[in-house]
Amino acid sequence: MKQILGFDYLLTPKVMVFLYWIFMVLIVVGGIFSMFNGQLIAGFFGTIFSLIGCRVMFELIMIAFKNNEYLRRIAENSDKAAQ
């Protein structure tokens, strides 16, 4: 409990993964809906490009959290080396 309250453990990356999968499902459902409404080619390519774009955007956001994790590891290792 202390880790969560003291911000030692980041909750946002877990939430981001959940949101990522929700957006992926919504994109696929929207693409299928578009394809059944007579826009087969636009729906297909729109779905593909939207899935790729969504993945890239979420990866860019997650880089900030990964950088924080790596900096924490470096700090922990430098503290151990200093002792």
PDB file of N, CA and C in Angstrom:
ATOM      1  N   MET A   1       0.821  -1.189   0.000  1.00  0.00           N
ATOM      2  CA  MET A   1       0.000   0.000   0.000  1.00  0.00           C
ATOM      3  C   MET A   1       0.865   1.254   0.000  1.00  0.00           C
ATOM      4  N   LYS A   2       2.013   1.168   0.689  1.00  0.00           N
ATOM      5  CA  LYS A   2       2.910   2.315   0.758  1.00  0.00           C
ATOM      6  C   LYS A   2       3.456   2.675  -0.625  1.00  0.00           C
ATOM      7  N   GLN A   3       3.690   1.673  -1.455  1.00  0.00           N
ATOM      8  CA  GLN A   3       4.213   1.922  -2.798  1.00  0.00           C
ATOM      9  C   GLN A   3       3.234   2.724  -3.634  1.00  0.00           C
ATOM     10  N   ILE A   4       1.943   2.396  -3.536  1.00  0.00           N
ATOM     11  CA  ILE A   4       0.935   3.096  -4.331  1.00  0.00           C
ATOM     12  C   ILE A   4       0.735   4.516  -3.809  1.00  0.00           C
ATOM     13  N   LEU A   5       0.652   4.662  -2.491  1.00  0.00           N
ATOM     14  CA  LEU A   5       0.426   5.987  -1.911  1.00  0.00           C
ATOM     15  C   LEU A   5       1.637   6.890  -2.033  1.00  0.00           C
ATOM     16  N   GLY A   6       2.834   6.304  -2.094  1.00  0.00           N
ATOM     17  CA  GLY A   6       4.052   7.098  -2.202  1.00  0.00           C
ATOM     18  C   GLY A   6       4.540   7.283  -3.622  1.00  0.00           C
ATOM     19  N   PHE A   7       3.764   6.891  -4.593  1.00  0.00           N
ATOM     20  CA  PHE A   7       4.103   6.999  -6.017  1.00  0.00           C
ATOM     21  C   PHE A   7       5.360   6.211  -6.384  1.00  0.00           C
ATOM     22  N   ASP A   8       5.671   5.169  -5.622  1.00  0.00           N
ATOM     23  CA  ASP A   8       6.770   4.289  -6.007  1.00  0.00           C
ATOM     24  C   ASP A   8       6.321   3.342  -7.115  1.00  0.00           C
ATOM     25  N   TYR A   9       5.047   3.093  -7.166  1.00  0.00           N
ATOM     26  CA  TYR A   9       4.457   2.231  -8.186  1.00  0.00           C
ATOM     27  C   TYR A   9       3.531   3.085  -9.041  1.00  0.00           C
ATOM     28  N   LEU A  10       3.742   3.068 -10.356  1.00  0.00           N
ATOM     29  CA  LEU A  10       2.932   3.886 -11.253  1.00  0.00           C
ATOM     30  C   LEU A  10       1.739   3.081 -11.768  1.00  0.00           C
ATOM     31  N   LEU A  11       0.580   3.621 -11.572  1.00  0.00           N
ATOM     32  CA  LEU A  11      -0.666   2.978 -11.981  1.00  0.00           C
ATOM     33  C   LEU A  11      -1.033   3.307 -13.428  1.00  0.00           C
ATOM     34  N   THR A  12      -0.607   4.450 -13.910  1.00  0.00           N
ATOM     35  CA  THR A  12      -1.002   4.917 -15.241  1.00  0.00           C
ATOM     36  C   THR A  12      -0.598   3.969 -16.374  1.00  0.00           C
ATOM     37  N   PRO A  13       0.590   3.353 -16.359  1.00  0.00           N
ATOM     38  CA  PRO A  13       0.894   2.414 -17.457  1.00  0.00           C
ATOM     39  C   PRO A  13      -0.089   1.253 -17.548  1.00  0.00           C
ATOM     40  N   LYS A  14      -0.584   0.786 -16.419  1.00  0.00           N
ATOM     41  CA  LYS A  14      -1.582  -0.296 -16.450  1.00  0.00           C
ATOM     42  C   LYS A  14      -2.900   0.213 -17.035  1.00  0.00           C
ATOM     43  N   VAL A  15      -3.269   1.434 -16.693  1.00  0.00           N
ATOM     44  CA  VAL A  15      -4.489   2.028 -17.235  1.00  0.00           C
ATOM     45  C   VAL A  15      -4.332   2.256 -18.738  1.00  0.00           C
ATOM     46  N   MET A  16      -3.144   2.661 -19.159  1.00  0.00           N
ATOM     47  CA  MET A  16      -2.892   2.903 -20.579  1.00  0.00           C
ATOM     48  C   MET A  16      -3.048   1.619 -21.395  1.00  0.00           C
ATOM     49  N   VAL A  17      -2.617   0.497 -20.864  1.00  0.00           N
ATOM     50  CA  VAL A  17      -2.775  -0.782 -21.577  1.00  0.00           C
ATOM     51  C   VAL A  17      -4.257  -1.106 -21.736  1.00  0.00           C
ATOM     52  N   PHE A  18      -5.023  -0.889 -20.676  1.00  0.00           N
ATOM     53  CA  PHE A  18      -6.463  -1.126 -20.730  1.00  0.00           C
ATOM     54  C   PHE A  18      -7.125  -0.214 -21.773  1.00  0.00           C
ATOM     55  N   LEU A  19      -6.774   1.060 -21.763  1.00  0.00           N
ATOM     56  CA  LEU A  19      -7.329   2.002 -22.734  1.00  0.00           C
ATOM     57  C   LEU A  19      -6.921   1.650 -24.165  1.00  0.00           C
ATOM     58  N   TYR A  20      -5.686   1.181 -24.310  1.00  0.00           N
ATOM     59  CA  TYR A  20      -5.202   0.782 -25.636  1.00  0.00           C
ATOM     60  C   TYR A  20      -6.101  -0.303 -26.226  1.00  0.00           C
ATOM     61  N   TRP A  21      -6.423  -1.319 -25.441  1.00  0.00           N
ATOM     62  CA  TRP A  21      -7.246  -2.407 -25.955  1.00  0.00           C
ATOM     63  C   TRP A  21      -8.675  -1.953 -26.209  1.00  0.00           C
ATOM     64  N   ILE A  22      -9.188  -1.052 -25.399  1.00  0.00           N
ATOM     65  CA  ILE A  22     -10.532  -0.518 -25.656  1.00  0.00           C
ATOM     66  C   ILE A  22     -10.552   0.234 -26.985  1.00  0.00           C
ATOM     67  N   PHE A  23      -9.546   1.090 -27.220  1.00  0.00           N
ATOM     68  CA  PHE A  23      -9.495   1.837 -28.478  1.00  0.00           C
ATOM     69  C   PHE A  23      -9.327   0.908 -29.672  1.00  0.00           C
ATOM     70  N   MET A  24      -8.543  -0.155 -29.525  1.00  0.00           N
ATOM     71  CA  MET A  24      -8.365  -1.099 -30.630  1.00  0.00           C
ATOM     72  C   MET A  24      -9.695  -1.755 -31.002  1.00  0.00           C
ATOM     73  N   VAL A  25     -10.442  -2.170 -30.001  1.00  0.00           N
ATOM     74  CA  VAL A  25     -11.745  -2.796 -30.264  1.00  0.00           C
ATOM     75  C   VAL A  25     -12.687  -1.792 -30.923  1.00  0.00           C
ATOM     76  N   LEU A  26     -12.701  -0.547 -30.431  1.00  0.00           N
ATOM     77  CA  LEU A  26     -13.568   0.468 -31.020  1.00  0.00           C
ATOM     78  C   LEU A  26     -13.195   0.777 -32.468  1.00  0.00           C
ATOM     79  N   ILE A  27     -11.910   0.789 -32.767  1.00  0.00           N
ATOM     80  CA  ILE A  27     -11.466   1.033 -34.144  1.00  0.00           C
ATOM     81  C   ILE A  27     -11.919  -0.093 -35.064  1.00  0.00           C
ATOM     82  N   VAL A  28     -11.766  -1.335 -34.608  1.00  0.00           N
ATOM     83  CA  VAL A  28     -12.179  -2.479 -35.432  1.00  0.00           C
ATOM     84  C   VAL A  28     -13.694  -2.475 -35.637  1.00  0.00           C
ATOM     85  N   VAL A  29     -14.440  -2.205 -34.574  1.00  0.00           N
ATOM     86  CA  VAL A  29     -15.903  -2.160 -34.703  1.00  0.00           C
ATOM     87  C   VAL A  29     -16.314  -1.039 -35.651  1.00  0.00           C
ATOM     88  N   GLY A  30     -15.689   0.123 -35.526  1.00  0.00           N
ATOM     89  CA  GLY A  30     -15.989   1.224 -36.435  1.00  0.00           C
ATOM     90  C   GLY A  30     -15.636   0.902 -37.870  1.00  0.00           C
ATOM     91  N   GLY A  31     -14.519   0.208 -38.060  1.00  0.00           N
ATOM     92  CA  GLY A  31     -14.130  -0.190 -39.419  1.00  0.00           C
ATOM     93  C   GLY A  31     -15.095  -1.184 -40.025  1.00  0.00           C
ATOM     94  N   ILE A  32     -15.531  -2.147 -39.238  1.00  0.00           N
ATOM     95  CA  ILE A  32     -16.503  -3.130 -39.731  1.00  0.00           C
ATOM     96  C   ILE A  32     -17.829  -2.447 -40.055  1.00  0.00           C
ATOM     97  N   PHE A  33     -18.251  -1.531 -39.186  1.00  0.00           N
ATOM     98  CA  PHE A  33     -19.478  -0.778 -39.436  1.00  0.00           C
ATOM     99  C   PHE A  33     -19.363   0.020 -40.736  1.00  0.00           C
ATOM    100  N   SER A  34     -18.218   0.632 -40.944  1.00  0.00           N
ATOM    101  CA  SER A  34     -18.002   1.417 -42.159  1.00  0.00           C
ATOM    102  C   SER A  34     -18.013   0.529 -43.396  1.00  0.00           C
ATOM    103  N   MET A  35     -17.410  -0.658 -43.290  1.00  0.00           N
ATOM    104  CA  MET A  35     -17.376  -1.573 -44.433  1.00  0.00           C
ATOM    105  C   MET A  35     -18.768  -2.070 -44.799  1.00  0.00           C
ATOM    106  N   PHE A  36     -19.619  -2.294 -43.804  1.00  0.00           N
ATOM    107  CA  PHE A  36     -20.970  -2.765 -44.085  1.00  0.00           C
ATOM    108  C   PHE A  36     -21.886  -1.658 -44.584  1.00  0.00           C
ATOM    109  N   ASN A  37     -21.465  -0.403 -44.451  1.00  0.00           N
ATOM    110  CA  ASN A  37     -22.262   0.711 -44.963  1.00  0.00           C
ATOM    111  C   ASN A  37     -21.847   1.118 -46.366  1.00  0.00           C
ATOM    112  N   GLY A  38     -21.175   0.248 -47.062  1.00  0.00           N
ATOM    113  CA  GLY A  38     -20.881   0.496 -48.460  1.00  0.00           C
ATOM    114  C   GLY A  38     -19.538   1.141 -48.740  1.00  0.00           C
ATOM    115  N   GLN A  39     -18.750   1.381 -47.751  1.00  0.00           N
ATOM    116  CA  GLN A  39     -17.425   1.968 -47.951  1.00  0.00           C
ATOM    117  C   GLN A  39     -16.362   0.915 -47.630  1.00  0.00           C
ATOM    118  N   LEU A  40     -16.340  -0.122 -48.422  1.00  0.00           N
ATOM    119  CA  LEU A  40     -15.487  -1.275 -48.147  1.00  0.00           C
ATOM    120  C   LEU A  40     -14.006  -0.910 -48.134  1.00  0.00           C
ATOM    121  N   ILE A  41     -13.531  -0.283 -49.194  1.00  0.00           N
ATOM    122  CA  ILE A  41     -12.107   0.047 -49.299  1.00  0.00           C
ATOM    123  C   ILE A  41     -11.713   1.097 -48.259  1.00  0.00           C
ATOM    124  N   ALA A  42     -12.504   2.148 -48.126  1.00  0.00           N
ATOM    125  CA  ALA A  42     -12.195   3.207 -47.152  1.00  0.00           C
ATOM    126  C   ALA A  42     -12.249   2.657 -45.732  1.00  0.00           C
ATOM    127  N   GLY A  43     -13.220   1.804 -45.451  1.00  0.00           N
ATOM    128  CA  GLY A  43     -13.318   1.204 -44.124  1.00  0.00           C
ATOM    129  C   GLY A  43     -12.140   0.308 -43.809  1.00  0.00           C
ATOM    130  N   PHE A  44     -11.709  -0.467 -44.793  1.00  0.00           N
ATOM    131  CA  PHE A  44     -10.581  -1.380 -44.585  1.00  0.00           C
ATOM    132  C   PHE A  44      -9.289  -0.607 -44.350  1.00  0.00           C
ATOM    133  N   PHE A  45      -8.972   0.313 -45.251  1.00  0.00           N
ATOM    134  CA  PHE A  45      -7.719   1.053 -45.109  1.00  0.00           C
ATOM    135  C   PHE A  45      -7.769   2.009 -43.911  1.00  0.00           C
ATOM    136  N   GLY A  46      -8.943   2.575 -43.647  1.00  0.00           N
ATOM    137  CA  GLY A  46      -9.089   3.421 -42.466  1.00  0.00           C
ATOM    138  C   GLY A  46      -8.843   2.647 -41.189  1.00  0.00           C
ATOM    139  N   THR A  47      -9.336   1.416 -41.140  1.00  0.00           N
ATOM    140  CA  THR A  47      -9.116   0.570 -39.966  1.00  0.00           C
ATOM    141  C   THR A  47      -7.640   0.241 -39.803  1.00  0.00           C
ATOM    142  N   ILE A  48      -6.984  -0.137 -40.876  1.00  0.00           N
ATOM    143  CA  ILE A  48      -5.562  -0.498 -40.810  1.00  0.00           C
ATOM    144  C   ILE A  48      -4.726   0.691 -40.354  1.00  0.00           C
ATOM    145  N   PHE A  49      -4.927   1.839 -40.986  1.00  0.00           N
ATOM    146  CA  PHE A  49      -4.135   3.027 -40.629  1.00  0.00           C
ATOM    147  C   PHE A  49      -4.470   3.532 -39.224  1.00  0.00           C
ATOM    148  N   SER A  50      -5.713   3.406 -38.826  1.00  0.00           N
ATOM    149  CA  SER A  50      -6.092   3.820 -37.474  1.00  0.00           C
ATOM    150  C   SER A  50      -5.477   2.913 -36.424  1.00  0.00           C
ATOM    151  N   LEU A  51      -5.438   1.615 -36.681  1.00  0.00           N
ATOM    152  CA  LEU A  51      -4.809   0.682 -35.737  1.00  0.00           C
ATOM    153  C   LEU A  51      -3.319   0.985 -35.583  1.00  0.00           C
ATOM    154  N   ILE A  52      -2.668   1.246 -36.712  1.00  0.00           N
ATOM    155  CA  ILE A  52      -1.236   1.570 -36.665  1.00  0.00           C
ATOM    156  C   ILE A  52      -1.011   2.900 -35.947  1.00  0.00           C
ATOM    157  N   GLY A  53      -1.812   3.902 -36.269  1.00  0.00           N
ATOM    158  CA  GLY A  53      -1.672   5.206 -35.632  1.00  0.00           C
ATOM    159  C   GLY A  53      -1.931   5.157 -34.137  1.00  0.00           C
ATOM    160  N   CYS A  54      -2.931   4.394 -33.730  1.00  0.00           N
ATOM    161  CA  CYS A  54      -3.235   4.253 -32.307  1.00  0.00           C
ATOM    162  C   CYS A  54      -2.070   3.585 -31.577  1.00  0.00           C
ATOM    163  N   ARG A  55      -1.511   2.564 -32.178  1.00  0.00           N
ATOM    164  CA  ARG A  55      -0.369   1.872 -31.569  1.00  0.00           C
ATOM    165  C   ARG A  55       0.813   2.823 -31.400  1.00  0.00           C
ATOM    166  N   VAL A  56       1.114   3.591 -32.432  1.00  0.00           N
ATOM    167  CA  VAL A  56       2.240   4.526 -32.383  1.00  0.00           C
ATOM    168  C   VAL A  56       2.015   5.578 -31.294  1.00  0.00           C
ATOM    169  N   MET A  57       0.811   6.121 -31.204  1.00  0.00           N
ATOM    170  CA  MET A  57       0.522   7.144 -30.193  1.00  0.00           C
ATOM    171  C   MET A  57       0.676   6.585 -28.778  1.00  0.00           C
ATOM    172  N   PHE A  58       0.162   5.391 -28.548  1.00  0.00           N
ATOM    173  CA  PHE A  58       0.298   4.796 -27.216  1.00  0.00           C
ATOM    174  C   PHE A  58       1.752   4.454 -26.899  1.00  0.00           C
ATOM    175  N   GLU A  59       2.510   4.035 -27.900  1.00  0.00           N
ATOM    176  CA  GLU A  59       3.929   3.765 -27.664  1.00  0.00           C
ATOM    177  C   GLU A  59       4.676   5.041 -27.300  1.00  0.00           C
ATOM    178  N   LEU A  60       4.348   6.141 -27.951  1.00  0.00           N
ATOM    179  CA  LEU A  60       5.000   7.407 -27.627  1.00  0.00           C
ATOM    180  C   LEU A  60       4.694   7.837 -26.193  1.00  0.00           C
ATOM    181  N   ILE A  61       3.485   7.618 -25.750  1.00  0.00           N
ATOM    182  CA  ILE A  61       3.132   7.940 -24.365  1.00  0.00           C
ATOM    183  C   ILE A  61       3.866   7.020 -23.396  1.00  0.00           C
ATOM    184  N   MET A  62       3.942   5.748 -23.727  1.00  0.00           N
ATOM    185  CA  MET A  62       4.570   4.780 -22.823  1.00  0.00           C
ATOM    186  C   MET A  62       6.078   4.983 -22.715  1.00  0.00           C
ATOM    187  N   ILE A  63       6.688   5.614 -23.688  1.00  0.00           N
ATOM    188  CA  ILE A  63       8.129   5.882 -23.624  1.00  0.00           C
ATOM    189  C   ILE A  63       8.459   6.707 -22.388  1.00  0.00           C
ATOM    190  N   ALA A  64       7.626   7.675 -22.065  1.00  0.00           N
ATOM    191  CA  ALA A  64       7.867   8.514 -20.887  1.00  0.00           C
ATOM    192  C   ALA A  64       7.877   7.669 -19.621  1.00  0.00           C
ATOM    193  N   PHE A  65       6.970   6.720 -19.519  1.00  0.00           N
ATOM    194  CA  PHE A  65       6.919   5.873 -18.336  1.00  0.00           C
ATOM    195  C   PHE A  65       8.085   4.888 -18.295  1.00  0.00           C
ATOM    196  N   LYS A  66       8.482   4.377 -19.437  1.00  0.00           N
ATOM    197  CA  LYS A  66       9.639   3.478 -19.487  1.00  0.00           C
ATOM    198  C   LYS A  66      10.915   4.222 -19.115  1.00  0.00           C
ATOM    199  N   ASN A  67      11.041   5.474 -19.574  1.00  0.00           N
ATOM    200  CA  ASN A  67      12.209   6.272 -19.196  1.00  0.00           C
ATOM    201  C   ASN A  67      12.273   6.450 -17.693  1.00  0.00           C
ATOM    202  N   ASN A  68      11.130   6.684 -17.070  1.00  0.00           N
ATOM    203  CA  ASN A  68      11.084   6.822 -15.622  1.00  0.00           C
ATOM    204  C   ASN A  68      11.528   5.536 -14.936  1.00  0.00           C
ATOM    205  N   GLU A  69      11.091   4.402 -15.458  1.00  0.00           N
ATOM    206  CA  GLU A  69      11.471   3.102 -14.884  1.00  0.00           C
ATOM    207  C   GLU A  69      12.975   2.862 -15.017  1.00  0.00           C
ATOM    208  N   TYR A  70      13.530   3.171 -16.171  1.00  0.00           N
ATOM    209  CA  TYR A  70      14.962   2.975 -16.375  1.00  0.00           C
ATOM    210  C   TYR A  70      15.785   3.915 -15.510  1.00  0.00           C
ATOM    211  N   LEU A  71      15.336   5.154 -15.354  1.00  0.00           N
ATOM    212  CA  LEU A  71      16.044   6.090 -14.483  1.00  0.00           C
ATOM    213  C   LEU A  71      16.004   5.618 -13.034  1.00  0.00           C
ATOM    214  N   ARG A  72      14.898   5.037 -12.606  1.00  0.00           N
ATOM    215  CA  ARG A  72      14.795   4.497 -11.254  1.00  0.00           C
ATOM    216  C   ARG A  72      15.800   3.351 -11.057  1.00  0.00           C
ATOM    217  N   ARG A  73      15.918   2.484 -12.048  1.00  0.00           N
ATOM    218  CA  ARG A  73      16.877   1.375 -11.956  1.00  0.00           C
ATOM    219  C   ARG A  73      18.314   1.890 -11.893  1.00  0.00           C
ATOM    220  N   ILE A  74      18.622   2.891 -12.696  1.00  0.00           N
ATOM    221  CA  ILE A  74      19.966   3.481 -12.681  1.00  0.00           C
ATOM    222  C   ILE A  74      20.254   4.074 -11.312  1.00  0.00           C
ATOM    223  N   ALA A  75      19.280   4.777 -10.740  1.00  0.00           N
ATOM    224  CA  ALA A  75      19.466   5.386  -9.425  1.00  0.00           C
ATOM    225  C   ALA A  75      19.650   4.321  -8.342  1.00  0.00           C
ATOM    226  N   GLU A  76      18.889   3.244  -8.425  1.00  0.00           N
ATOM    227  CA  GLU A  76      19.031   2.161  -7.447  1.00  0.00           C
ATOM    228  C   GLU A  76      20.396   1.502  -7.567  1.00  0.00           C
ATOM    229  N   ASN A  77      20.855   1.277  -8.800  1.00  0.00           N
ATOM    230  CA  ASN A  77      22.164   0.660  -9.003  1.00  0.00           C
ATOM    231  C   ASN A  77      23.297   1.582  -8.550  1.00  0.00           C
ATOM    232  N   SER A  78      23.151   2.882  -8.774  1.00  0.00           N
ATOM    233  CA  SER A  78      24.206   3.804  -8.348  1.00  0.00           C
ATOM    234  C   SER A  78      24.236   3.919  -6.837  1.00  0.00           C
ATOM    235  N   ASP A  79      23.080   3.782  -6.158  1.00  0.00           N
ATOM    236  CA  ASP A  79      23.062   3.783  -4.700  1.00  0.00           C
ATOM    237  C   ASP A  79      23.754   2.542  -4.148  1.00  0.00           C
ATOM    238  N   LYS A  80      23.538   1.397  -4.786  1.00  0.00           N
ATOM    239  CA  LYS A  80      24.185   0.156  -4.340  1.00  0.00           C
ATOM    240  C   LYS A  80      25.688   0.230  -4.559  1.00  0.00           C
ATOM    241  N   ALA A  81      26.104   0.820  -5.670  1.00  0.00           N
ATOM    242  CA  ALA A  81      27.539   0.936  -5.970  1.00  0.00           C
ATOM    243  C   ALA A  81      28.227   1.900  -5.015  1.00  0.00           C
ATOM    244  N   ALA A  82      27.523   2.923  -4.564  1.00  0.00           N
ATOM    245  CA  ALA A  82      28.113   3.911  -3.664  1.00  0.00           C
ATOM    246  C   ALA A  82      28.293   3.357  -2.247  1.00  0.00           C
ATOM    247  N   GLN A  83      27.549   2.337  -1.911  1.00  0.00           N
ATOM    248  CA  GLN A  83      27.652   1.773  -0.553  1.00  0.00           C
ATOM    249  C   GLN A  83      28.760   0.807  -0.514  1.00  0.00           C
TER     250      GLN A  83
END
